[in-house]
Protein backbone atom coordinates (compact mmCIF):
# COMPACT_ATOMS: atom_id res chain seq x y z
CA MET A 1 20.92 -4.61 7.43
CA SER A 2 20.14 -5.65 3.87
CA HIS A 3 17.88 -3.36 1.78
CA PHE A 4 17.37 -0.88 4.63
CA SER A 5 16.16 1.91 2.32
CA VAL A 6 13.46 -0.35 0.85
CA ARG A 7 12.29 -1.37 4.31
CA LEU A 8 12.20 2.21 5.54
CA GLY A 9 10.92 3.90 2.38
CA GLY A 10 8.21 1.37 1.58
CA GLY A 11 7.09 1.07 5.18
CA MET A 12 6.84 4.83 5.62
CA ALA A 13 5.03 5.32 2.30
CA LEU A 14 2.45 2.68 3.25
CA LEU A 15 2.01 4.15 6.74
CA VAL A 16 1.43 7.59 5.25
CA GLN A 17 -1.08 6.09 2.84
CA ALA A 18 -2.96 4.34 5.67
CA PHE A 19 -3.08 7.60 7.61
CA LEU A 20 -4.25 9.60 4.59
CA LEU A 21 -6.92 7.06 3.69
CA GLN A 22 -8.21 7.08 7.25
CA PHE A 23 -8.10 10.88 7.40
CA LEU A 24 -9.66 11.56 3.98
CA TRP A 25 -12.39 8.98 3.75
CA THR A 26 -13.79 8.09 7.17
CA PRO A 27 -16.75 10.18 8.28
CA HIS A 28 -16.63 11.96 11.62
CA ASN A 29 -13.31 10.33 12.57
CA THR A 30 -14.87 6.91 13.12
CA LEU A 31 -12.95 3.76 12.34
CA ILE A 32 -15.55 2.16 10.07
CA GLY A 33 -18.13 3.91 7.90
CA GLU A 34 -21.54 2.63 6.87
CA THR A 35 -21.26 2.57 3.07
CA PRO A 36 -19.43 0.10 0.82
CA ILE A 37 -16.96 2.85 -0.15
CA PHE A 38 -15.90 3.32 3.45
CA ILE A 39 -15.77 -0.43 4.03
CA SER A 40 -13.39 -0.84 1.09
CA ILE A 41 -11.23 2.02 2.39
CA THR A 42 -11.16 0.42 5.85
CA ILE A 43 -10.05 -2.87 4.29
CA ALA A 44 -7.34 -0.98 2.37
CA VAL A 45 -6.11 0.66 5.60
CA PHE A 46 -5.95 -2.71 7.37
CA LEU A 47 -4.14 -4.38 4.46
CA SER A 48 -1.68 -1.50 4.18
CA LEU A 49 -0.76 -1.92 7.85
CA LEU A 50 -0.14 -5.62 7.18
CA ALA A 51 1.93 -4.66 4.13
CA VAL A 52 4.07 -2.43 6.35
CA LEU A 53 4.98 -5.49 8.40
CA GLY A 54 5.76 -7.36 5.20
CA PHE A 55 8.05 -4.55 4.11
CA VAL A 56 9.85 -4.41 7.42
CA PHE A 57 10.60 -8.14 7.29
CA LEU A 58 10.97 -8.21 3.46
CA ARG A 59 8.34 -10.88 2.99
CA PRO A 60 7.05 -11.31 -0.58
CA THR A 61 3.49 -11.17 0.75
CA GLY A 62 4.22 -7.59 1.86
CA TRP A 63 4.79 -6.55 -1.74
CA ILE A 64 1.68 -8.43 -2.90
CA LEU A 65 -0.43 -6.81 -0.16
CA ALA A 66 0.93 -3.38 -1.06
CA MET A 67 -0.07 -3.88 -4.70
CA LEU A 68 -3.49 -5.16 -3.61
CA VAL A 69 -3.98 -2.02 -1.52
CA GLN A 70 -3.14 0.13 -4.53
CA MET A 71 -5.69 -1.77 -6.63
CA ILE A 72 -8.40 -1.28 -3.99
CA CYS A 73 -7.56 2.42 -3.64
CA LEU A 74 -7.54 3.07 -7.38
CA LEU A 75 -10.81 1.23 -8.01
CA THR A 76 -12.53 2.94 -5.07
CA ALA A 77 -11.24 6.36 -6.12
CA LEU A 78 -12.45 5.79 -9.68
CA PHE A 79 -15.87 4.79 -8.40
CA ILE A 80 -16.00 7.86 -6.16
CA ARG A 81 -14.77 10.10 -8.97
CA PHE A 82 -17.62 9.16 -11.27
CA SER A 83 -20.39 8.72 -8.72
CA THR A 84 -19.94 11.44 -6.09
CA PRO A 85 -19.05 14.91 -7.37
CA SER A 86 -18.45 16.33 -3.87
CA PHE A 87 -15.42 14.10 -3.19
CA GLN A 88 -13.59 14.57 -6.50
CA ALA A 89 -10.56 16.38 -5.04
CA ALA A 90 -9.94 13.66 -2.47
CA ALA A 91 -10.42 10.98 -5.13
CA HIS A 92 -7.86 12.67 -7.37
CA PHE A 93 -5.36 12.90 -4.52
CA THR A 94 -5.89 9.22 -3.64
CA MET A 95 -5.35 8.20 -7.27
CA LEU A 96 -2.22 10.31 -7.55
CA TYR A 97 -0.68 8.84 -4.38
CA SER A 98 -1.60 5.28 -5.41
CA ILE A 99 -0.07 5.72 -8.87
CA GLY A 100 3.12 7.01 -7.26
CA LEU A 101 3.25 3.99 -4.95
CA VAL A 102 2.69 1.59 -7.85
CA LEU A 103 5.65 3.15 -9.62
CA TYR A 104 7.74 2.87 -6.45
CA LEU A 105 6.73 -0.75 -5.81
CA ASN A 106 7.75 -1.71 -9.35
CA ALA A 107 11.15 -0.02 -9.15
CA HIS A 108 14.12 -2.33 -9.62
CA ALA A 109 15.49 -1.78 -6.11
CA VAL A 110 12.19 -2.72 -4.48
CA ARG A 111 11.54 -5.73 -6.73
CA SER A 112 15.07 -7.06 -6.21
CA ALA A 113 14.71 -6.74 -2.42
CA PHE A 114 11.79 -9.14 -2.49
CA GLU A 115 13.21 -11.71 -4.89
CA ARG A 116 14.18 -15.04 -3.45
CA ARG A 117 17.71 -15.80 -4.44
CA PHE A 118 18.75 -19.41 -4.83
CA GLN A 119 22.19 -20.88 -5.26
CA ASN A 120 22.47 -24.54 -6.20
CA GLY A 121 18.85 -25.16 -5.20
CA GLN A 122 19.38 -23.78 -1.69
CA PRO A 123 18.29 -20.35 -0.44
CA GLU A 124 21.06 -17.78 -0.09
CA GLU A 125 22.15 -17.08 3.48
CA VAL A 126 20.85 -13.87 5.02
CA LYS A 127 23.65 -11.42 5.81
CA LEU A 128 22.89 -9.01 8.63
């Protein structure tokens, strides 16, 4: 199986992130909160689950969705950091995890797994 470590590592990292976002930010263990912060976190959880599927099947949209999730998480954590002093520790943890995932997603092994390789104008055959 080609790029197995990228499929497994990226998929697991995004699953852990979806679990942590759901665990850290949803009030009273409900699926959807009432404020815009919780709505953006719920959207990030949903998109990260879609990105996991993209990583498993090595679809370029999986990488794009994973980066979009990191953008949503970082912007939301920054907003929480400067607006709500009671959630600063969770916001710092979310930012730290998202920065780590951005670095992982931009690693050469991950980027090369998602590149489309062409030979003579035709896609390269998939070797299983």
